[in-house]
Amino acid sequence: MESQVLQAVKELLYEVREMRAEMESFKQEMRAEMESFKQEMRAEMESFKQEIREEIKELHVRIGKLEAKVDKLHDKFELHAQKQWQTEADVYRLKKLIGIE
């Protein structure tokens, strides 16, 4: 009877060791999967960051072009205002010269 109990205990210990080994193997697989997932997420995040950087660079270029156009329009507006002022001054002088004003 003792030998049967001892044999049953040995079998249980063997099964427990096998279960521990399986659990350790499972833990290793899970760690590997998690590490792989982390690496994929990091790669995706880096890709996303790079896309954002490129978009920001493109926006800066477009903003620079818009600023240049606004500056040109501003210069043209000022030139037009100067010409208009000069024309009004010339008209006033001519009117005074011929005696209308």
C-alpha atoms as a PDB file:
ATOM      1  CA  MET A   1       0.000   0.000   0.000  1.00  0.00           C
ATOM      2  CA  GLU A   2       2.795   2.386   0.838  1.00  0.00           C
ATOM      3  CA  SER A   3       4.422   1.708  -2.483  1.00  0.00           C
ATOM      4  CA  GLN A   4       1.163   2.537  -4.273  1.00  0.00           C
ATOM      5  CA  VAL A   5       0.851   5.843  -2.377  1.00  0.00           C
ATOM      6  CA  LEU A   6       4.507   6.571  -3.026  1.00  0.00           C
ATOM      7  CA  GLN A   7       4.017   5.770  -6.701  1.00  0.00           C
ATOM      8  CA  ALA A   8       0.922   8.030  -6.843  1.00  0.00           C
ATOM      9  CA  VAL A   9       2.867  10.866  -5.176  1.00  0.00           C
ATOM     10  CA  LYS A  10       5.726  10.404  -7.656  1.00  0.00           C
ATOM     11  CA  GLU A  11       3.269  10.519 -10.544  1.00  0.00           C
ATOM     12  CA  LEU A  12       1.672  13.679  -9.141  1.00  0.00           C
ATOM     13  CA  LEU A  13       5.103  15.288  -8.732  1.00  0.00           C
ATOM     14  CA  TYR A  14       5.943  14.368 -12.303  1.00  0.00           C
ATOM     15  CA  GLU A  15       2.684  15.882 -13.542  1.00  0.00           C
ATOM     16  CA  VAL A  16       3.297  19.024 -11.479  1.00  0.00           C
ATOM     17  CA  ARG A  17       6.801  19.354 -12.992  1.00  0.00           C
ATOM     18  CA  GLU A  18       5.365  18.911 -16.470  1.00  0.00           C
ATOM     19  CA  MET A  19       2.724  21.549 -15.747  1.00  0.00           C
ATOM     20  CA  ARG A  20       5.404  23.920 -14.437  1.00  0.00           C
ATOM     21  CA  ALA A  21       7.454  23.356 -17.577  1.00  0.00           C
ATOM     22  CA  GLU A  22       4.386  23.977 -19.749  1.00  0.00           C
ATOM     23  CA  MET A  23       3.563  27.115 -17.763  1.00  0.00           C
ATOM     24  CA  GLU A  24       7.139  28.360 -18.101  1.00  0.00           C
ATOM     25  CA  SER A  25       7.025  27.670 -21.821  1.00  0.00           C
ATOM     26  CA  PHE A  26       3.705  29.497 -22.049  1.00  0.00           C
ATOM     27  CA  LYS A  27       5.129  32.466 -20.123  1.00  0.00           C
ATOM     28  CA  GLN A  28       8.105  32.605 -22.486  1.00  0.00           C
ATOM     29  CA  GLU A  29       5.789  32.527 -25.499  1.00  0.00           C
ATOM     30  CA  MET A  30       3.656  35.288 -24.019  1.00  0.00           C
ATOM     31  CA  ARG A  31       6.729  37.410 -23.279  1.00  0.00           C
ATOM     32  CA  ALA A  32       7.941  36.905 -26.846  1.00  0.00           C
ATOM     33  CA  GLU A  33       4.520  37.830 -28.218  1.00  0.00           C
ATOM     34  CA  MET A  34       4.348  40.919 -26.030  1.00  0.00           C
ATOM     35  CA  GLU A  35       7.845  41.989 -27.039  1.00  0.00           C
ATOM     36  CA  SER A  36       6.962  41.467 -30.697  1.00  0.00           C
ATOM     37  CA  PHE A  37       3.799  43.525 -30.213  1.00  0.00           C
ATOM     38  CA  LYS A  38       5.786  46.283 -28.501  1.00  0.00           C
ATOM     39  CA  GLN A  39       8.270  46.372 -31.372  1.00  0.00           C
ATOM     40  CA  GLU A  40       5.453  46.578 -33.914  1.00  0.00           C
ATOM     41  CA  MET A  41       3.807  49.399 -31.972  1.00  0.00           C
ATOM     42  CA  ARG A  42       7.103  51.279 -31.715  1.00  0.00           C
ATOM     43  CA  ALA A  43       7.668  50.899 -35.451  1.00  0.00           C
ATOM     44  CA  GLU A  44       4.147  52.133 -36.193  1.00  0.00           C
ATOM     45  CA  MET A  45       4.580  55.078 -33.834  1.00  0.00           C
ATOM     46  CA  GLU A  46       7.886  56.022 -35.455  1.00  0.00           C
ATOM     47  CA  SER A  47       6.269  55.784 -38.872  1.00  0.00           C
ATOM     48  CA  PHE A  48       3.396  57.942 -37.672  1.00  0.00           C
ATOM     49  CA  LYS A  49       5.798  60.486 -36.178  1.00  0.00           C
ATOM     50  CA  GLN A  50       7.730  60.636 -39.453  1.00  0.00           C
ATOM     51  CA  GLU A  51       4.522  61.213 -41.404  1.00  0.00           C
ATOM     52  CA  ILE A  52       3.579  64.022 -39.032  1.00  0.00           C
ATOM     53  CA  ARG A  53       7.044  65.592 -39.394  1.00  0.00           C
ATOM     54  CA  GLU A  54       6.729  65.494 -43.184  1.00  0.00           C
ATOM     55  CA  GLU A  55       3.258  67.030 -43.025  1.00  0.00           C
ATOM     56  CA  ILE A  56       4.532  69.794 -40.751  1.00  0.00           C
ATOM     57  CA  LYS A  57       7.427  70.514 -43.135  1.00  0.00           C
ATOM     58  CA  GLU A  58       4.963  70.706 -46.031  1.00  0.00           C
ATOM     59  CA  LEU A  59       2.753  73.069 -44.024  1.00  0.00           C
ATOM     60  CA  HIS A  60       5.743  75.305 -43.272  1.00  0.00           C
ATOM     61  CA  VAL A  61       6.573  75.443 -46.982  1.00  0.00           C
ATOM     62  CA  ARG A  62       2.985  76.296 -47.853  1.00  0.00           C
ATOM     63  CA  ILE A  63       2.819  78.935 -45.117  1.00  0.00           C
ATOM     64  CA  GLY A  64       6.059  80.435 -46.426  1.00  0.00           C
ATOM     65  CA  LYS A  65       4.581  80.642 -49.933  1.00  0.00           C
ATOM     66  CA  LEU A  66       1.404  82.245 -48.589  1.00  0.00           C
ATOM     67  CA  GLU A  67       3.432  84.786 -46.626  1.00  0.00           C
ATOM     68  CA  ALA A  68       5.379  85.662 -49.781  1.00  0.00           C
ATOM     69  CA  LYS A  69       2.115  86.176 -51.697  1.00  0.00           C
ATOM     70  CA  VAL A  70       0.693  88.317 -48.891  1.00  0.00           C
ATOM     71  CA  ASP A  71       3.874  90.419 -48.877  1.00  0.00           C
ATOM     72  CA  LYS A  72       3.601  90.933 -52.658  1.00  0.00           C
ATOM     73  CA  LEU A  73      -0.046  91.921 -52.343  1.00  0.00           C
ATOM     74  CA  HIS A  74       0.809  94.306 -49.536  1.00  0.00           C
ATOM     75  CA  ASP A  75       3.543  95.915 -51.652  1.00  0.00           C
ATOM     76  CA  LYS A  76       1.161  96.231 -54.615  1.00  0.00           C
ATOM     77  CA  PHE A  77      -1.486  97.762 -52.378  1.00  0.00           C
ATOM     78  CA  GLU A  78       0.978 100.312 -51.034  1.00  0.00           C
ATOM     79  CA  LEU A  79       2.141 101.163 -54.570  1.00  0.00           C
ATOM     80  CA  HIS A  80      -1.462 101.550 -55.706  1.00  0.00           C
ATOM     81  CA  ALA A  81      -2.191 103.786 -52.707  1.00  0.00           C
ATOM     82  CA  GLN A  82       0.828 105.951 -53.541  1.00  0.00           C
ATOM     83  CA  LYS A  83      -0.242 106.218 -57.184  1.00  0.00           C
ATOM     84  CA  GLN A  84      -3.788 107.084 -56.146  1.00  0.00           C
ATOM     85  CA  TRP A  85      -2.516 109.770 -53.789  1.00  0.00           C
ATOM     86  CA  GLN A  86      -0.250 111.178 -56.488  1.00  0.00           C
ATOM     87  CA  THR A  87      -3.126 111.192 -58.992  1.00  0.00           C
ATOM     88  CA  GLU A  88      -5.385 113.020 -56.554  1.00  0.00           C
ATOM     89  CA  ALA A  89      -2.627 115.532 -55.829  1.00  0.00           C
ATOM     90  CA  ASP A  90      -2.077 116.093 -59.572  1.00  0.00           C
ATOM     91  CA  VAL A  91      -5.821 116.552 -60.165  1.00  0.00           C
ATOM     92  CA  TYR A  92      -5.988 119.058 -57.300  1.00  0.00           C
ATOM     93  CA  ARG A  93      -3.023 121.023 -58.715  1.00  0.00           C
ATOM     94  CA  LEU A  94      -4.567 121.072 -62.197  1.00  0.00           C
ATOM     95  CA  LYS A  95      -7.901 122.244 -60.804  1.00  0.00           C
ATOM     96  CA  LYS A  96      -6.147 125.034 -58.907  1.00  0.00           C
ATOM     97  CA  LEU A  97      -4.168 125.922 -62.016  1.00  0.00           C
ATOM     98  CA  ILE A  98      -7.226 126.301 -64.175  1.00  0.00           C
ATOM     99  CA  GLY A  99      -9.192 127.879 -61.349  1.00  0.00           C
ATOM    100  CA  ILE A 100     -11.840 125.243 -60.689  1.00  0.00           C
ATOM    101  CA  GLU A 101     -10.972 125.015 -57.030  1.00  0.00           C
END
